[in-house]
Amino acid sequence: MSKIRITKQFTFETGHALYGYDGKCKNVHGHSYKLSVTVIGSPITDTNNVKYGMVIDFGDLKKIVKEDIVDVFDHATVFNKNTPHVELAQELKNRGHHVILVDYQPTSEMMVIDFAKKIQDRLPENIKLHAIKLQETDTSFAEWYASDN
């Protein structure tokens, strides 16, 4: 049976700051992220299966990505917990803001690595993560490919 790639796209709003960076992104700012998640597998061949002909139900893929990424990161501010930004994060939390502390610099590059692990951990055994594209702006994005890792 042929291998088919299935892609689902998502959008979410997230703020971040890059501690120690030598440009404008050292300041707290936000992005309207566009996330594309591509998985690969063979379509189900069992004619008695309600998902016959599908690699994965788009709804099932949506559930995974929404629960582990979109619903977590949407309208949150992300900081590296190993920097002095942790003090700012605590102040924002105390004021009722949604803050995420991660153990990496919250660049698009590092976020796609984090997202890939989260998605891989939830996919059914017969479905493999093929690629992730995280678009930070209309002209800037980071990509993760299983074949590179």
N, C-alpha and C. Protein backbone atom coordinates (compact mmCIF):
# COMPACT_ATOMS: atom_id res chain seq x y z
N MET A 1 0.85 -1.19 0.00
CA MET A 1 0.00 0.00 0.00
C MET A 1 0.88 1.24 0.00
N SER A 2 0.46 2.23 -0.70
CA SER A 2 1.19 3.49 -0.81
C SER A 2 1.26 4.22 0.53
N LYS A 3 2.35 4.93 0.73
CA LYS A 3 2.48 5.82 1.88
C LYS A 3 1.95 7.19 1.45
N ILE A 4 1.14 7.77 2.30
CA ILE A 4 0.51 9.06 2.02
C ILE A 4 0.84 10.02 3.16
N ARG A 5 1.10 11.27 2.79
CA ARG A 5 1.34 12.32 3.79
C ARG A 5 0.06 13.14 3.96
N ILE A 6 -0.30 13.37 5.19
CA ILE A 6 -1.48 14.15 5.56
C ILE A 6 -1.01 15.37 6.34
N THR A 7 -1.51 16.55 5.98
CA THR A 7 -1.12 17.78 6.67
C THR A 7 -2.34 18.49 7.22
N LYS A 8 -2.22 18.94 8.45
CA LYS A 8 -3.25 19.76 9.10
C LYS A 8 -2.57 21.05 9.55
N GLN A 9 -3.26 22.17 9.34
CA GLN A 9 -2.71 23.47 9.69
C GLN A 9 -3.46 24.08 10.87
N PHE A 10 -2.73 24.84 11.67
CA PHE A 10 -3.26 25.46 12.89
C PHE A 10 -2.73 26.88 13.00
N THR A 11 -3.42 27.71 13.76
CA THR A 11 -2.94 29.05 14.07
C THR A 11 -3.10 29.31 15.56
N PHE A 12 -2.19 30.10 16.10
CA PHE A 12 -2.29 30.50 17.50
C PHE A 12 -1.43 31.74 17.71
N GLU A 13 -1.77 32.48 18.75
CA GLU A 13 -1.08 33.72 19.10
C GLU A 13 -0.23 33.46 20.34
N THR A 14 1.06 33.79 20.26
CA THR A 14 1.94 33.57 21.40
C THR A 14 2.95 34.71 21.50
N GLY A 15 3.22 35.11 22.73
CA GLY A 15 4.25 36.09 22.99
C GLY A 15 5.50 35.41 23.52
N HIS A 16 6.63 36.06 23.35
CA HIS A 16 7.88 35.53 23.90
C HIS A 16 8.92 36.64 23.95
N ALA A 17 10.05 36.34 24.56
CA ALA A 17 11.21 37.22 24.58
C ALA A 17 12.43 36.33 24.58
N LEU A 18 13.48 36.77 23.89
CA LEU A 18 14.71 35.98 23.79
C LEU A 18 15.77 36.62 24.68
N TYR A 19 15.98 36.02 25.85
CA TYR A 19 16.94 36.56 26.80
C TYR A 19 18.36 36.49 26.23
N GLY A 20 19.08 37.60 26.34
CA GLY A 20 20.47 37.65 25.90
C GLY A 20 20.64 37.91 24.42
N TYR A 21 19.55 38.01 23.69
CA TYR A 21 19.61 38.24 22.25
C TYR A 21 20.05 39.67 21.97
N ASP A 22 20.73 39.89 20.85
CA ASP A 22 21.28 41.22 20.55
C ASP A 22 20.42 42.05 19.59
N GLY A 23 19.16 41.68 19.45
CA GLY A 23 18.27 42.41 18.56
C GLY A 23 16.95 42.73 19.23
N LYS A 24 15.99 43.16 18.42
CA LYS A 24 14.68 43.58 18.94
C LYS A 24 13.95 42.48 19.68
N CYS A 25 14.19 41.23 19.33
CA CYS A 25 13.44 40.11 19.94
C CYS A 25 13.83 39.86 21.40
N LYS A 26 14.75 40.67 21.94
CA LYS A 26 15.02 40.57 23.38
C LYS A 26 13.85 41.15 24.16
N ASN A 27 13.04 41.98 23.49
CA ASN A 27 11.86 42.56 24.11
C ASN A 27 10.67 41.62 24.01
N VAL A 28 9.78 41.69 24.97
CA VAL A 28 8.56 40.88 24.92
C VAL A 28 7.74 41.34 23.73
N HIS A 29 7.34 40.39 22.90
CA HIS A 29 6.55 40.67 21.70
C HIS A 29 5.79 39.40 21.33
N GLY A 30 4.93 39.49 20.34
CA GLY A 30 4.11 38.33 19.99
C GLY A 30 4.09 38.07 18.50
N HIS A 31 3.60 36.87 18.16
CA HIS A 31 3.48 36.43 16.78
C HIS A 31 2.14 35.73 16.58
N SER A 32 1.65 35.83 15.37
CA SER A 32 0.51 35.02 14.93
C SER A 32 1.10 33.81 14.23
N TYR A 33 1.33 32.75 14.98
CA TYR A 33 2.00 31.56 14.44
C TYR A 33 1.07 30.76 13.55
N LYS A 34 1.64 30.17 12.51
CA LYS A 34 0.95 29.21 11.65
C LYS A 34 1.75 27.92 11.75
N LEU A 35 1.09 26.86 12.15
CA LEU A 35 1.74 25.56 12.35
C LEU A 35 1.15 24.55 11.37
N SER A 36 2.02 23.91 10.60
CA SER A 36 1.62 22.83 9.70
C SER A 36 2.24 21.54 10.21
N VAL A 37 1.40 20.53 10.41
CA VAL A 37 1.86 19.24 10.92
C VAL A 37 1.57 18.18 9.85
N THR A 38 2.61 17.49 9.40
CA THR A 38 2.48 16.47 8.37
C THR A 38 2.85 15.11 8.94
N VAL A 39 1.94 14.16 8.79
CA VAL A 39 2.20 12.78 9.21
C VAL A 39 2.19 11.90 7.97
N ILE A 40 2.74 10.70 8.11
CA ILE A 40 2.81 9.78 6.98
C ILE A 40 2.38 8.38 7.42
N GLY A 41 1.66 7.70 6.55
CA GLY A 41 1.22 6.34 6.83
C GLY A 41 0.47 5.79 5.64
N SER A 42 -0.02 4.59 5.79
CA SER A 42 -0.80 3.95 4.73
C SER A 42 -2.28 4.07 5.04
N PRO A 43 -3.11 4.32 4.03
CA PRO A 43 -4.55 4.37 4.27
C PRO A 43 -5.05 3.02 4.81
N ILE A 44 -6.05 3.09 5.67
CA ILE A 44 -6.65 1.88 6.26
C ILE A 44 -7.35 1.11 5.15
N THR A 45 -7.06 -0.18 5.06
CA THR A 45 -7.60 -1.01 3.98
C THR A 45 -8.77 -1.88 4.42
N ASP A 46 -9.06 -1.93 5.71
CA ASP A 46 -10.16 -2.73 6.24
C ASP A 46 -11.48 -2.03 5.92
N THR A 47 -12.26 -2.63 5.02
CA THR A 47 -13.53 -2.01 4.58
C THR A 47 -14.56 -1.93 5.71
N ASN A 48 -14.36 -2.66 6.79
CA ASN A 48 -15.28 -2.62 7.93
C ASN A 48 -14.92 -1.52 8.93
N ASN A 49 -13.75 -0.92 8.75
CA ASN A 49 -13.29 0.13 9.65
C ASN A 49 -13.97 1.45 9.24
N VAL A 50 -14.53 2.16 10.20
CA VAL A 50 -15.22 3.42 9.89
C VAL A 50 -14.26 4.47 9.31
N LYS A 51 -12.98 4.26 9.48
CA LYS A 51 -11.97 5.19 8.95
C LYS A 51 -11.30 4.61 7.70
N TYR A 52 -11.99 3.69 7.04
CA TYR A 52 -11.51 3.06 5.81
C TYR A 52 -11.06 4.13 4.81
N GLY A 53 -9.87 3.95 4.24
CA GLY A 53 -9.34 4.87 3.25
C GLY A 53 -8.56 6.04 3.82
N MET A 54 -8.56 6.19 5.13
CA MET A 54 -7.84 7.31 5.78
C MET A 54 -6.50 6.84 6.31
N VAL A 55 -5.51 7.72 6.27
CA VAL A 55 -4.25 7.48 6.98
C VAL A 55 -4.51 7.72 8.46
N ILE A 56 -5.10 8.88 8.74
CA ILE A 56 -5.53 9.27 10.09
C ILE A 56 -6.69 10.24 9.88
N ASP A 57 -7.65 10.17 10.72
CA ASP A 57 -8.76 11.11 10.67
C ASP A 57 -8.20 12.50 11.00
N PHE A 58 -8.49 13.49 10.15
CA PHE A 58 -8.02 14.85 10.41
C PHE A 58 -8.45 15.30 11.81
N GLY A 59 -9.61 14.87 12.26
CA GLY A 59 -10.10 15.22 13.59
C GLY A 59 -9.23 14.64 14.69
N ASP A 60 -8.71 13.44 14.47
CA ASP A 60 -7.83 12.82 15.47
C ASP A 60 -6.49 13.57 15.56
N LEU A 61 -5.96 13.96 14.40
CA LEU A 61 -4.72 14.73 14.39
C LEU A 61 -4.95 16.10 15.03
N LYS A 62 -6.08 16.71 14.72
CA LYS A 62 -6.43 18.01 15.30
C LYS A 62 -6.50 17.92 16.82
N LYS A 63 -7.10 16.87 17.34
CA LYS A 63 -7.23 16.70 18.79
C LYS A 63 -5.86 16.66 19.47
N ILE A 64 -4.94 15.91 18.89
CA ILE A 64 -3.59 15.79 19.45
C ILE A 64 -2.90 17.15 19.48
N VAL A 65 -2.88 17.83 18.34
CA VAL A 65 -2.15 19.10 18.23
C VAL A 65 -2.82 20.19 19.05
N LYS A 66 -4.13 20.24 19.05
CA LYS A 66 -4.83 21.25 19.86
C LYS A 66 -4.56 21.05 21.35
N GLU A 67 -4.67 19.82 21.83
CA GLU A 67 -4.50 19.57 23.26
C GLU A 67 -3.08 19.84 23.74
N ASP A 68 -2.09 19.43 22.96
CA ASP A 68 -0.70 19.52 23.42
C ASP A 68 0.03 20.79 23.02
N ILE A 69 -0.48 21.50 22.00
CA ILE A 69 0.24 22.68 21.53
C ILE A 69 -0.66 23.91 21.48
N VAL A 70 -1.67 23.90 20.62
CA VAL A 70 -2.47 25.10 20.39
C VAL A 70 -3.14 25.59 21.67
N ASP A 71 -3.85 24.73 22.37
CA ASP A 71 -4.55 25.15 23.58
C ASP A 71 -3.59 25.56 24.70
N VAL A 72 -2.37 25.05 24.67
CA VAL A 72 -1.37 25.38 25.69
C VAL A 72 -0.69 26.71 25.37
N PHE A 73 -0.29 26.90 24.11
CA PHE A 73 0.50 28.06 23.73
C PHE A 73 -0.32 29.28 23.30
N ASP A 74 -1.59 29.07 22.93
CA ASP A 74 -2.38 30.18 22.43
C ASP A 74 -2.60 31.24 23.51
N HIS A 75 -2.28 32.47 23.17
CA HIS A 75 -2.41 33.63 24.07
C HIS A 75 -1.62 33.45 25.37
N ALA A 76 -0.48 32.78 25.25
CA ALA A 76 0.44 32.65 26.37
C ALA A 76 1.70 33.44 26.05
N THR A 77 2.50 33.70 27.07
CA THR A 77 3.82 34.28 26.88
C THR A 77 4.83 33.25 27.34
N VAL A 78 5.82 32.99 26.49
CA VAL A 78 6.80 31.92 26.74
C VAL A 78 8.15 32.52 27.07
N PHE A 79 8.72 32.03 28.16
CA PHE A 79 10.05 32.46 28.59
C PHE A 79 10.92 31.24 28.88
N ASN A 80 12.22 31.41 28.70
CA ASN A 80 13.19 30.39 29.11
C ASN A 80 13.31 30.46 30.63
N LYS A 81 13.00 29.35 31.30
CA LYS A 81 12.99 29.36 32.76
C LYS A 81 14.39 29.43 33.38
N ASN A 82 15.42 29.29 32.55
CA ASN A 82 16.80 29.32 33.05
C ASN A 82 17.45 30.69 32.86
N THR A 83 16.62 31.73 32.82
CA THR A 83 17.12 33.10 32.65
C THR A 83 16.45 34.00 33.67
N PRO A 84 16.92 35.23 33.82
CA PRO A 84 16.24 36.17 34.72
C PRO A 84 14.81 36.51 34.29
N HIS A 85 14.40 36.10 33.09
CA HIS A 85 13.01 36.32 32.69
C HIS A 85 12.04 35.60 33.62
N VAL A 86 12.54 34.67 34.41
CA VAL A 86 11.67 33.94 35.32
C VAL A 86 11.03 34.90 36.33
N GLU A 87 11.73 35.98 36.66
CA GLU A 87 11.16 36.98 37.59
C GLU A 87 10.00 37.71 36.92
N LEU A 88 10.18 38.09 35.67
CA LEU A 88 9.10 38.74 34.92
C LEU A 88 7.93 37.77 34.76
N ALA A 89 8.24 36.53 34.47
CA ALA A 89 7.19 35.51 34.32
C ALA A 89 6.36 35.38 35.58
N GLN A 90 7.03 35.37 36.72
CA GLN A 90 6.31 35.24 37.99
C GLN A 90 5.42 36.45 38.24
N GLU A 91 5.92 37.64 37.92
CA GLU A 91 5.13 38.86 38.09
C GLU A 91 3.88 38.80 37.19
N LEU A 92 4.05 38.39 35.94
CA LEU A 92 2.91 38.27 35.03
C LEU A 92 1.91 37.22 35.53
N LYS A 93 2.42 36.09 36.02
CA LYS A 93 1.53 35.05 36.57
C LYS A 93 0.74 35.59 37.75
N ASN A 94 1.42 36.34 38.61
CA ASN A 94 0.75 36.92 39.78
C ASN A 94 -0.37 37.87 39.39
N ARG A 95 -0.27 38.44 38.19
CA ARG A 95 -1.28 39.37 37.69
C ARG A 95 -2.31 38.67 36.80
N GLY A 96 -2.28 37.34 36.79
CA GLY A 96 -3.29 36.57 36.08
C GLY A 96 -3.00 36.26 34.63
N HIS A 97 -1.78 36.48 34.19
CA HIS A 97 -1.42 36.20 32.80
C HIS A 97 -1.04 34.73 32.62
N HIS A 98 -1.28 34.23 31.41
CA HIS A 98 -0.92 32.85 31.05
C HIS A 98 0.54 32.83 30.60
N VAL A 99 1.39 32.24 31.41
CA VAL A 99 2.83 32.20 31.15
C VAL A 99 3.29 30.75 31.10
N ILE A 100 4.15 30.47 30.13
CA ILE A 100 4.76 29.14 30.02
C ILE A 100 6.25 29.30 30.20
N LEU A 101 6.83 28.51 31.09
CA LEU A 101 8.28 28.48 31.27
C LEU A 101 8.81 27.20 30.64
N VAL A 102 9.75 27.36 29.73
CA VAL A 102 10.34 26.21 29.04
C VAL A 102 11.83 26.16 29.36
N ASP A 103 12.44 25.01 29.11
CA ASP A 103 13.87 24.87 29.41
C ASP A 103 14.74 25.10 28.18
N TYR A 104 14.25 25.94 27.27
CA TYR A 104 15.00 26.29 26.07
C TYR A 104 14.72 27.74 25.69
N GLN A 105 15.55 28.29 24.84
CA GLN A 105 15.31 29.64 24.29
C GLN A 105 14.09 29.52 23.36
N PRO A 106 13.02 30.29 23.58
CA PRO A 106 11.78 30.09 22.83
C PRO A 106 11.82 30.66 21.40
N THR A 107 12.76 30.19 20.63
CA THR A 107 12.85 30.52 19.21
C THR A 107 11.96 29.55 18.43
N SER A 108 11.65 29.89 17.20
CA SER A 108 10.87 28.97 16.36
C SER A 108 11.58 27.63 16.21
N GLU A 109 12.90 27.69 16.09
CA GLU A 109 13.69 26.47 15.92
C GLU A 109 13.50 25.51 17.11
N MET A 110 13.61 26.07 18.31
CA MET A 110 13.49 25.23 19.50
C MET A 110 12.04 24.81 19.75
N MET A 111 11.11 25.66 19.38
CA MET A 111 9.70 25.31 19.56
C MET A 111 9.32 24.14 18.67
N VAL A 112 9.82 24.08 17.42
CA VAL A 112 9.45 22.94 16.56
C VAL A 112 10.03 21.64 17.10
N ILE A 113 11.20 21.69 17.72
CA ILE A 113 11.76 20.49 18.34
C ILE A 113 10.85 20.02 19.47
N ASP A 114 10.43 20.95 20.31
CA ASP A 114 9.52 20.66 21.42
C ASP A 114 8.19 20.09 20.89
N PHE A 115 7.63 20.75 19.88
CA PHE A 115 6.35 20.31 19.32
C PHE A 115 6.46 18.93 18.69
N ALA A 116 7.57 18.65 18.01
CA ALA A 116 7.75 17.34 17.38
C ALA A 116 7.70 16.23 18.43
N LYS A 117 8.39 16.43 19.53
CA LYS A 117 8.38 15.41 20.60
C LYS A 117 6.98 15.21 21.15
N LYS A 118 6.28 16.30 21.41
CA LYS A 118 4.92 16.20 21.95
C LYS A 118 3.99 15.44 21.00
N ILE A 119 4.07 15.74 19.72
CA ILE A 119 3.20 15.09 18.74
C ILE A 119 3.58 13.61 18.57
N GLN A 120 4.87 13.33 18.45
CA GLN A 120 5.32 11.94 18.28
C GLN A 120 4.84 11.06 19.43
N ASP A 121 4.85 11.60 20.63
CA ASP A 121 4.44 10.83 21.80
C ASP A 121 2.96 10.46 21.77
N ARG A 122 2.16 11.14 20.99
CA ARG A 122 0.71 10.91 20.98
C ARG A 122 0.19 10.19 19.73
N LEU A 123 1.01 10.10 18.68
CA LEU A 123 0.53 9.48 17.44
C LEU A 123 0.36 7.98 17.58
N PRO A 124 -0.63 7.40 16.89
CA PRO A 124 -0.75 5.94 16.88
C PRO A 124 0.53 5.32 16.31
N GLU A 125 0.81 4.09 16.69
CA GLU A 125 2.06 3.44 16.32
C GLU A 125 2.28 3.35 14.80
N ASN A 126 1.21 3.21 14.04
CA ASN A 126 1.33 3.03 12.59
C ASN A 126 1.44 4.36 11.83
N ILE A 127 1.38 5.49 12.54
CA ILE A 127 1.47 6.82 11.93
C ILE A 127 2.77 7.46 12.42
N LYS A 128 3.54 8.01 11.50
CA LYS A 128 4.81 8.66 11.86
C LYS A 128 4.73 10.15 11.54
N LEU A 129 5.34 10.94 12.39
CA LEU A 129 5.46 12.36 12.13
C LEU A 129 6.47 12.54 11.01
N HIS A 130 6.09 13.25 9.96
CA HIS A 130 6.97 13.47 8.81
C HIS A 130 7.64 14.85 8.89
N ALA A 131 6.86 15.89 9.19
CA ALA A 131 7.41 17.24 9.20
C ALA A 131 6.53 18.19 9.99
N ILE A 132 7.16 19.25 10.46
CA ILE A 132 6.46 20.35 11.12
C ILE A 132 7.04 21.64 10.55
N LYS A 133 6.15 22.58 10.26
CA LYS A 133 6.57 23.91 9.83
C LYS A 133 5.91 24.91 10.76
N LEU A 134 6.72 25.73 11.41
CA LEU A 134 6.20 26.76 12.30
C LEU A 134 6.56 28.11 11.70
N GLN A 135 5.53 28.80 11.25
CA GLN A 135 5.70 30.09 10.61
C GLN A 135 5.48 31.19 11.63
N GLU A 136 6.53 32.00 11.85
CA GLU A 136 6.50 33.07 12.84
C GLU A 136 5.95 34.36 12.23
N THR A 137 6.30 34.60 10.98
CA THR A 137 5.79 35.74 10.21
C THR A 137 5.48 35.22 8.81
N ASP A 138 4.99 36.10 7.95
CA ASP A 138 4.71 35.69 6.57
C ASP A 138 5.95 35.23 5.82
N THR A 139 7.12 35.69 6.25
CA THR A 139 8.35 35.39 5.52
C THR A 139 9.39 34.61 6.31
N SER A 140 9.07 34.22 7.55
CA SER A 140 10.05 33.55 8.40
C SER A 140 9.44 32.32 9.06
N PHE A 141 10.13 31.18 8.91
CA PHE A 141 9.62 29.95 9.51
C PHE A 141 10.76 28.97 9.80
N ALA A 142 10.47 28.01 10.66
CA ALA A 142 11.38 26.92 10.98
C ALA A 142 10.69 25.62 10.61
N GLU A 143 11.49 24.66 10.13
CA GLU A 143 10.94 23.36 9.74
C GLU A 143 11.72 22.24 10.43
N TRP A 144 11.00 21.20 10.78
CA TRP A 144 11.55 19.97 11.36
C TRP A 144 11.13 18.83 10.46
N TYR A 145 12.09 17.99 10.06
CA TYR A 145 11.79 16.81 9.25
C TYR A 145 12.31 15.56 9.95
N ALA A 146 11.50 14.54 9.99
CA ALA A 146 11.91 13.28 10.61
C ALA A 146 13.17 12.73 9.95
N SER A 147 13.26 12.88 8.62
CA SER A 147 14.41 12.34 7.90
C SER A 147 15.73 13.00 8.30
N ASP A 148 15.66 14.20 8.86
CA ASP A 148 16.86 14.90 9.32
C ASP A 148 17.23 14.53 10.76
N ASN A 149 16.33 13.84 11.42
CA ASN A 149 16.53 13.55 12.83
C ASN A 149 16.58 12.07 13.09
